[in-house]
Amino acid sequence: MDLRQRLARLDRLTSRQQTDLETPARDFVAAPPAELGLREEATAAGPCWARDWREDGPAVPPRLPGLHGLLSRHGDHRPAREEILFVDTETTGLSGGTGTLAFLVGVAWWEGSELVVRQFFLPGPGREAGMLCALAELAAPFTVAVTYNGAAFDLPLLRTRALMNRRTDPLAHLLSWDLLPACRRLWGRALADCRQQTIERSVCGQVRGEGDIEGARIPEVWRGWLSGDPADELLCVLRHNRRDLAGMAHILERVCTEGDAASVPPDAGCDDWRRAWALARVAERRRDDAAAAGWMLASLAGDALGQAGAQTRALAVDAVRILKRRRHWHEVEAVLRAALDAGAGRWAHRESAILYERRLPRLDEALRHARLAGEPGREERLLRRSTPGN
């Protein structure tokens, strides 16, 4: 077979594959199926399928408090409640990149005490422009995009899809508030994981009812619907997305509550030593040393060191660092003793040597800990200081 014949054969194969791919199982021009509750909207870039939902929203204050120390970015911004737009996508895969489509983009916002949810649905790969245009128009008046792990996934994915469609990023003007880092800082030491549904259930007391779907199955449901499967499971995907958006609103309410609490430590102990520990670290990130020390003392008063188990060393490291800034030397001494009893080892011996040399002068104890820490330079200096006549 010469080159000309090979090229002709390749052309026939390519044409046949393209025809197969371009022959849809569904007529994407038809009206949205009634069972999905979707309607078709006209946009400057083409039609878009959408549906709305309203429900009572959580009691987030009309003007949000500063969340500095909890959020990784823009925590000092204090938007009005109506300036916040929740964003969540359902996609054809979790790998990201140019081959991943967001076939469902859900957004939510407050209107008074109600949470309004709008979902933009993609009826086929060739209809992204209309969806992105509708999203950009809706997002225009808002100032903050709230997501759950969206800074790493949802927002970059939408940016990529806009680029692939030669459009501007529909959410580029919004500040990004990702709730996942805040949840890890507040509850990461108390929970087995910080998945959104874990936080909803364990922290917010929100239990999802029937009719949801596992996130891992969502891509295959959309592809199955494109191939002609019934819309029953696709309706579960829409419900799952709506619950994600409502769940984020409840999580934001709790994050705001804890953000306020971090600045006001209790006068005595705390029932939940893990919460007090977390809030001490949040206050420390805010450079509020007094509040950080107050929350750390509350944690220790709750017998944190006796209950921390495998987390004892991490707690002791935080406690020593925070309490030293407020010159709570006797409390630092007690923490170091407990850490040594728990097997903290060289770090605790070194901190003890520093404490007894500089803050609670007991050169014999400082020398003993310097030897156990394996610090010959400090040991030599302490020997000179403890020798009469030096």
Protein backbone atom coordinates (compact mmCIF):
# COMPACT_ATOMS: atom_id res chain seq x y z
CA MET A 1 0.00 0.00 0.00
CA ASP A 2 1.58 3.28 -1.12
CA LEU A 3 1.42 6.57 0.76
CA ARG A 4 -1.58 7.88 -1.20
CA GLN A 5 -3.64 4.79 -0.36
CA ARG A 6 -2.65 4.98 3.28
CA LEU A 7 -3.71 8.62 3.51
CA ALA A 8 -7.04 7.85 1.83
CA ARG A 9 -7.69 5.02 4.27
CA LEU A 10 -6.80 7.24 7.24
CA ASP A 11 -9.15 9.92 5.93
CA ARG A 12 -12.01 7.42 5.72
CA LEU A 13 -11.37 6.18 9.26
CA THR A 14 -11.15 9.70 10.65
CA SER A 15 -14.36 10.76 8.92
CA ARG A 16 -16.22 7.74 10.28
CA GLN A 17 -15.00 8.34 13.86
CA GLN A 18 -15.91 12.02 13.69
CA THR A 19 -19.40 11.18 12.41
CA ASP A 20 -19.90 8.74 15.28
CA LEU A 21 -18.79 11.33 17.83
CA GLU A 22 -20.96 14.06 16.38
CA THR A 23 -24.09 11.91 16.34
CA PRO A 24 -25.64 12.60 19.75
CA ALA A 25 -27.88 10.22 21.59
CA ARG A 26 -30.07 13.21 22.44
CA ASP A 27 -31.26 16.24 20.53
CA PHE A 28 -29.49 19.01 22.46
CA VAL A 29 -31.54 21.68 20.69
CA ALA A 30 -34.76 20.36 22.21
CA ALA A 31 -36.30 21.88 25.31
CA PRO A 32 -34.93 20.77 28.71
CA PRO A 33 -36.62 17.64 30.09
CA ALA A 34 -39.46 18.59 32.44
CA GLU A 35 -38.42 16.05 35.10
CA LEU A 36 -35.19 17.99 35.76
CA GLY A 37 -37.00 21.25 36.45
CA LEU A 38 -34.73 23.11 34.03
CA ARG A 39 -35.65 26.03 31.79
CA GLU A 40 -33.85 27.45 28.77
CA GLU A 41 -32.56 31.01 28.94
CA ALA A 42 -31.20 33.09 26.09
CA THR A 43 -27.75 34.69 26.52
CA ALA A 44 -25.53 36.72 24.24
CA ALA A 45 -23.43 33.57 23.70
CA GLY A 46 -26.27 31.15 23.09
CA PRO A 47 -28.92 29.29 25.10
CA CYS A 48 -28.35 28.08 28.63
CA TRP A 49 -30.28 25.60 30.78
CA ALA A 50 -30.94 26.64 34.39
CA ARG A 51 -33.16 26.07 37.39
CA ASP A 52 -33.74 27.91 40.71
CA TRP A 53 -34.40 26.82 44.27
CA ARG A 54 -35.13 28.76 47.47
CA GLU A 55 -34.79 27.72 51.10
CA ASP A 56 -34.27 29.29 54.51
CA GLY A 57 -30.63 30.23 54.92
CA PRO A 58 -28.49 30.02 58.07
CA ALA A 59 -28.27 33.11 60.27
CA VAL A 60 -25.05 34.62 58.96
CA PRO A 61 -24.80 38.24 60.17
CA PRO A 62 -25.73 41.01 57.69
CA ARG A 63 -22.10 42.19 57.73
CA LEU A 64 -19.59 39.36 58.06
CA PRO A 65 -16.85 39.56 60.70
CA GLY A 66 -13.20 39.57 59.79
CA LEU A 67 -11.98 36.04 59.18
CA HIS A 68 -8.28 36.81 59.20
CA GLY A 69 -6.38 33.88 60.66
CA LEU A 70 -8.95 31.40 59.39
CA LEU A 71 -8.98 31.93 55.64
CA SER A 72 -5.78 31.72 53.67
CA ARG A 73 -6.60 34.77 51.55
CA HIS A 74 -8.69 37.96 51.87
CA GLY A 75 -9.79 37.19 55.43
CA ASP A 76 -9.61 40.87 56.34
CA HIS A 77 -12.39 41.71 53.86
CA ARG A 78 -15.78 42.17 55.55
CA PRO A 79 -18.48 41.89 52.90
CA ALA A 80 -22.20 42.30 53.38
CA ARG A 81 -24.06 39.01 53.32
CA GLU A 82 -25.67 39.90 49.97
CA GLU A 83 -22.21 40.32 48.38
CA ILE A 84 -21.34 36.63 48.82
CA LEU A 85 -21.75 34.08 46.03
CA PHE A 86 -21.33 30.38 46.82
CA VAL A 87 -19.95 28.36 43.92
CA ASP A 88 -19.82 24.58 43.40
CA THR A 89 -19.28 22.56 40.24
CA GLU A 90 -19.98 18.99 39.18
CA THR A 91 -17.52 17.82 36.57
CA THR A 92 -16.61 15.02 34.19
CA GLY A 93 -13.55 14.13 36.31
CA LEU A 94 -11.34 15.24 39.17
CA SER A 95 -8.05 15.53 37.30
CA GLY A 96 -8.69 19.05 36.03
CA GLY A 97 -7.01 20.27 32.89
CA THR A 98 -8.45 21.12 29.50
CA GLY A 99 -10.22 17.77 29.10
CA THR A 100 -12.45 18.21 32.15
CA LEU A 101 -15.86 19.84 31.72
CA ALA A 102 -18.02 21.46 34.38
CA PHE A 103 -21.39 20.12 33.28
CA LEU A 104 -23.18 21.63 36.30
CA VAL A 105 -22.32 24.96 37.94
CA GLY A 106 -24.31 25.76 41.04
CA VAL A 107 -24.33 29.18 42.70
CA ALA A 108 -26.19 30.48 45.74
CA TRP A 109 -26.70 33.83 47.41
CA TRP A 110 -28.80 35.47 50.09
CA GLU A 111 -31.94 37.45 49.43
CA GLY A 112 -33.01 38.58 52.87
CA SER A 113 -33.13 35.48 55.05
CA GLU A 114 -33.54 33.15 52.08
CA LEU A 115 -30.80 31.31 50.26
CA VAL A 116 -31.38 31.34 46.51
CA VAL A 117 -29.77 28.53 44.48
CA ARG A 118 -29.34 28.66 40.72
CA GLN A 119 -27.92 25.75 38.77
CA PHE A 120 -26.58 26.03 35.24
CA PHE A 121 -26.68 22.72 33.40
CA LEU A 122 -24.66 21.75 30.33
CA PRO A 123 -26.74 19.61 27.93
CA GLY A 124 -23.71 18.81 25.77
CA PRO A 125 -20.04 19.68 25.25
CA GLY A 126 -20.83 22.29 22.60
CA ARG A 127 -22.97 24.50 24.84
CA GLU A 128 -20.42 25.88 27.32
CA ALA A 129 -20.39 29.45 26.00
CA GLY A 130 -24.01 30.09 26.95
CA MET A 131 -23.51 28.68 30.43
CA LEU A 132 -20.35 30.75 31.02
CA CYS A 133 -22.07 33.88 29.75
CA ALA A 134 -25.04 33.38 32.09
CA LEU A 135 -22.68 32.75 35.01
CA ALA A 136 -20.72 35.94 34.28
CA GLU A 137 -23.90 38.02 34.13
CA LEU A 138 -25.19 36.63 37.43
CA ALA A 139 -21.84 36.99 39.24
CA ALA A 140 -21.26 40.61 38.21
CA PRO A 141 -22.74 42.34 41.32
CA PHE A 142 -21.05 40.09 43.90
CA THR A 143 -17.64 40.65 45.54
CA VAL A 144 -16.72 37.29 47.15
CA ALA A 145 -16.82 33.71 45.83
CA VAL A 146 -17.13 31.14 48.64
CA THR A 147 -16.13 27.57 47.79
CA TYR A 148 -15.08 24.34 49.49
CA ASN A 149 -11.69 23.41 48.05
CA GLY A 150 -12.64 25.63 45.15
CA ALA A 151 -9.43 27.65 45.15
CA ALA A 152 -7.64 24.49 44.03
CA PHE A 153 -10.31 23.01 41.79
CA ASP A 154 -13.60 24.76 40.94
CA LEU A 155 -12.30 28.26 40.24
CA PRO A 156 -9.27 27.19 38.14
CA LEU A 157 -11.52 24.80 36.20
CA LEU A 158 -14.00 27.56 35.32
CA ARG A 159 -11.09 29.80 34.37
CA THR A 160 -9.80 27.09 32.02
CA ARG A 161 -13.21 26.49 30.45
CA ALA A 162 -13.60 30.22 29.82
CA LEU A 163 -10.19 30.30 28.17
CA MET A 164 -11.07 27.31 25.99
CA ASN A 165 -14.21 29.15 24.86
CA ARG A 166 -12.31 32.41 24.25
CA ARG A 167 -14.14 34.16 27.04
CA THR A 168 -12.99 36.03 30.12
CA ASP A 169 -13.06 34.28 33.48
CA PRO A 170 -16.65 34.81 34.76
CA LEU A 171 -15.48 34.97 38.39
CA ALA A 172 -12.19 36.84 37.96
CA HIS A 173 -13.46 39.94 39.78
CA LEU A 174 -14.43 38.02 42.93
CA LEU A 175 -12.25 37.53 46.00
CA SER A 176 -11.80 33.83 46.78
CA TRP A 177 -12.84 32.47 50.18
CA ASP A 178 -12.06 28.76 50.38
CA LEU A 179 -13.65 27.20 53.47
CA LEU A 180 -11.48 24.08 53.51
CA PRO A 181 -8.38 25.70 55.11
CA ALA A 182 -10.60 27.35 57.74
CA CYS A 183 -12.20 23.99 58.59
CA ARG A 184 -8.83 22.31 58.88
CA ARG A 185 -7.62 25.02 61.25
CA LEU A 186 -10.72 24.84 63.41
CA TRP A 187 -11.62 21.14 63.42
CA GLY A 188 -8.76 19.27 61.74
CA ARG A 189 -7.41 17.99 65.07
CA ALA A 190 -10.79 16.82 66.33
CA LEU A 191 -12.24 15.04 63.28
CA ALA A 192 -11.09 12.07 61.24
CA ASP A 193 -11.21 14.18 58.06
CA CYS A 194 -12.41 17.57 56.85
CA ARG A 195 -14.57 16.54 53.92
CA GLN A 196 -17.50 18.86 53.48
CA GLN A 197 -20.13 16.33 54.51
CA THR A 198 -18.10 15.45 57.62
CA ILE A 199 -18.06 19.11 58.68
CA GLU A 200 -21.78 19.47 57.91
CA ARG A 201 -22.64 16.45 60.03
CA SER A 202 -20.17 16.74 62.92
CA VAL A 203 -19.97 20.53 63.30
CA CYS A 204 -23.18 21.96 61.84
CA GLY A 205 -25.53 19.13 62.74
CA GLN A 206 -26.73 18.93 59.13
CA VAL A 207 -27.52 15.39 57.96
CA ARG A 208 -28.31 14.91 54.30
CA GLY A 209 -31.45 12.92 53.63
CA GLU A 210 -32.23 10.44 50.94
CA GLY A 211 -31.82 11.12 47.26
CA ASP A 212 -28.14 12.07 47.31
CA ILE A 213 -25.38 10.43 45.31
CA GLU A 214 -21.72 9.57 45.84
CA GLY A 215 -19.46 12.16 44.28
CA ALA A 216 -17.38 9.50 42.52
CA ARG A 217 -20.41 8.40 40.48
CA ILE A 218 -21.41 11.85 39.25
CA PRO A 219 -19.33 11.92 36.00
CA GLU A 220 -20.69 8.57 34.81
CA VAL A 221 -24.27 9.69 35.48
CA TRP A 222 -23.95 12.67 33.15
CA ARG A 223 -22.28 10.59 30.46
CA GLY A 224 -24.98 7.96 30.84
CA TRP A 225 -27.70 10.59 30.44
CA LEU A 226 -26.01 11.82 27.26
CA SER A 227 -26.18 8.25 25.98
CA GLY A 228 -29.90 8.04 26.62
CA ASP A 229 -30.24 6.83 30.23
CA PRO A 230 -33.25 8.06 32.27
CA ALA A 231 -32.88 11.30 34.21
CA ASP A 232 -33.54 9.80 37.66
CA GLU A 233 -29.92 9.72 38.79
CA LEU A 234 -29.19 13.05 37.13
CA LEU A 235 -31.85 14.55 39.38
CA CYS A 236 -29.86 13.18 42.33
CA VAL A 237 -26.79 15.01 40.99
CA LEU A 238 -28.72 18.28 40.91
CA ARG A 239 -29.89 17.63 44.47
CA HIS A 240 -26.34 16.81 45.58
CA ASN A 241 -25.05 20.07 44.13
CA ARG A 242 -27.82 22.08 45.83
CA ARG A 243 -27.03 20.45 49.16
CA ASP A 244 -23.34 21.26 48.72
CA LEU A 245 -24.23 24.93 48.29
CA ALA A 246 -26.56 24.99 51.30
CA GLY A 247 -23.96 23.11 53.33
CA MET A 248 -21.34 25.73 52.56
CA ALA A 249 -23.67 28.42 53.89
CA HIS A 250 -24.05 26.52 57.18
CA ILE A 251 -20.29 25.98 57.41
CA LEU A 252 -19.67 29.68 56.80
CA GLU A 253 -22.03 30.49 59.68
CA ARG A 254 -19.97 28.31 62.04
CA VAL A 255 -16.69 29.71 60.77
CA CYS A 256 -17.97 33.24 61.49
CA THR A 257 -19.00 32.20 65.00
CA GLU A 258 -15.59 30.70 65.74
CA GLY A 259 -13.85 33.68 64.17
CA ASP A 260 -15.58 35.98 66.66
CA ALA A 261 -14.82 33.62 69.55
CA ALA A 262 -11.09 33.53 68.82
CA SER A 263 -10.76 37.13 70.04
CA VAL A 264 -12.51 36.51 73.38
CA PRO A 265 -10.87 33.73 75.43
CA PRO A 266 -12.75 32.38 78.47
CA ASP A 267 -11.82 33.36 82.02
CA ALA A 268 -11.57 29.73 83.09
CA GLY A 269 -11.22 26.39 81.40
CA CYS A 270 -12.97 25.11 78.30
CA ASP A 271 -15.13 22.01 77.95
CA ASP A 272 -13.54 21.18 74.60
CA TRP A 273 -9.76 21.43 74.85
CA ARG A 274 -9.35 20.76 71.13
CA ARG A 275 -11.53 23.77 70.29
CA ALA A 276 -9.54 25.95 72.69
CA TRP A 277 -6.30 24.76 71.12
CA ALA A 278 -7.57 25.53 67.62
CA LEU A 279 -8.74 29.02 68.61
CA ALA A 280 -5.38 29.70 70.28
CA ARG A 281 -3.69 28.99 66.95
CA VAL A 282 -6.19 31.20 65.09
CA ALA A 283 -5.55 34.09 67.50
CA GLU A 284 -1.81 33.53 67.07
CA ARG A 285 -2.19 33.83 63.28
CA ARG A 286 -3.92 37.14 63.93
CA ARG A 287 -0.95 38.25 66.05
CA ASP A 288 -3.27 38.58 69.04
CA ASP A 289 -0.87 37.16 71.61
CA ALA A 290 -3.10 37.87 74.61
CA ALA A 291 -6.08 35.99 73.15
CA ALA A 292 -3.82 33.17 71.95
CA ALA A 293 -2.39 32.71 75.43
CA GLY A 294 -5.87 32.89 76.98
CA TRP A 295 -7.23 30.14 74.74
CA MET A 296 -4.12 28.01 75.25
CA LEU A 297 -4.42 28.30 79.03
CA ALA A 298 -8.09 27.31 78.71
CA SER A 299 -7.06 24.26 76.71
CA LEU A 300 -4.48 23.24 79.28
CA ALA A 301 -6.98 23.77 82.11
CA GLY A 302 -9.19 21.25 80.34
CA ASP A 303 -6.46 18.60 80.83
CA ALA A 304 -5.40 18.78 77.21
CA LEU A 305 -1.97 17.32 77.88
CA GLY A 306 -3.51 14.39 79.72
CA GLN A 307 -5.90 13.59 76.87
CA ALA A 308 -3.96 14.54 73.76
CA GLY A 309 -2.39 11.12 73.26
CA ALA A 310 -0.50 11.06 69.97
CA GLN A 311 -1.00 14.82 69.65
CA THR A 312 0.78 15.61 72.91
CA ARG A 313 4.01 16.77 71.31
CA ALA A 314 2.25 18.99 68.76
CA LEU A 315 0.13 20.55 71.51
CA ALA A 316 3.18 21.09 73.72
CA VAL A 317 5.11 22.77 70.90
CA ASP A 318 2.23 25.18 70.29
CA ALA A 319 1.69 25.82 73.99
CA VAL A 320 5.35 26.62 74.68
CA ARG A 321 5.61 28.93 71.69
CA ILE A 322 2.40 30.82 72.52
CA LEU A 323 2.89 31.06 76.28
CA LYS A 324 6.48 32.25 75.99
CA ARG A 325 5.28 35.36 74.16
CA ARG A 326 3.21 36.36 77.22
CA ARG A 327 5.94 35.33 79.69
CA HIS A 328 3.89 32.59 81.37
CA TRP A 329 7.07 30.86 82.54
CA HIS A 330 5.60 28.57 85.20
CA GLU A 331 2.93 27.37 82.78
CA VAL A 332 5.67 26.71 80.21
CA GLU A 333 7.52 24.69 82.84
CA ALA A 334 4.44 22.56 83.50
CA VAL A 335 3.93 21.94 79.79
CA LEU A 336 7.53 20.85 79.32
CA ARG A 337 7.34 18.45 82.25
CA ALA A 338 4.22 16.86 80.80
CA ALA A 339 5.83 16.67 77.37
CA LEU A 340 8.90 14.95 78.80
CA ASP A 341 6.70 12.47 80.67
CA ALA A 342 5.04 11.73 77.31
CA GLY A 343 8.41 11.09 75.68
CA ALA A 344 8.83 14.39 73.79
CA GLY A 345 12.62 13.95 73.95
CA ARG A 346 15.30 16.31 72.68
CA TRP A 347 13.08 19.29 71.81
CA ALA A 348 11.58 19.40 75.33
CA HIS A 349 15.02 19.05 76.94
CA ARG A 350 16.36 21.94 74.86
CA GLU A 351 13.41 24.19 75.75
CA SER A 352 13.82 23.23 79.42
CA ALA A 353 17.52 24.10 79.32
CA ILE A 354 16.68 27.54 77.88
CA LEU A 355 13.91 28.07 80.45
CA TYR A 356 16.08 27.21 83.47
CA GLU A 357 19.06 29.16 82.19
CA ARG A 358 17.28 32.39 81.27
CA ARG A 359 13.81 32.64 82.81
CA LEU A 360 13.62 30.46 85.93
CA PRO A 361 17.31 30.45 86.90
CA ARG A 362 18.28 26.95 88.04
CA LEU A 363 21.63 26.26 86.44
CA ASP A 364 21.80 22.67 87.68
CA GLU A 365 18.52 21.85 85.93
CA ALA A 366 19.58 23.79 82.84
CA LEU A 367 22.85 21.80 82.72
CA ARG A 368 21.03 18.48 83.11
CA HIS A 369 18.64 19.23 80.27
CA ALA A 370 21.42 20.57 78.04
CA ARG A 371 23.24 17.26 78.40
CA LEU A 372 20.10 15.29 77.63
CA ALA A 373 19.42 17.52 74.62
CA GLY A 374 22.92 16.83 73.26
CA GLU A 375 24.05 20.47 73.14
CA PRO A 376 27.74 20.56 74.08
CA GLY A 377 28.06 24.31 73.49
CA ARG A 378 25.28 25.14 75.93
CA GLU A 379 26.61 22.53 78.36
CA GLU A 380 30.10 24.11 78.30
CA ARG A 381 28.69 27.58 78.90
CA LEU A 382 26.56 26.40 81.81
CA LEU A 383 29.54 24.62 83.38
CA ARG A 384 31.55 27.85 83.27
CA ARG A 385 28.66 29.78 84.79
CA SER A 386 28.17 27.26 87.59
CA THR A 387 31.90 27.16 88.51
CA PRO A 388 32.70 29.42 91.52
CA GLY A 389 34.74 32.46 90.56
CA ASN A 390 33.36 32.69 86.99
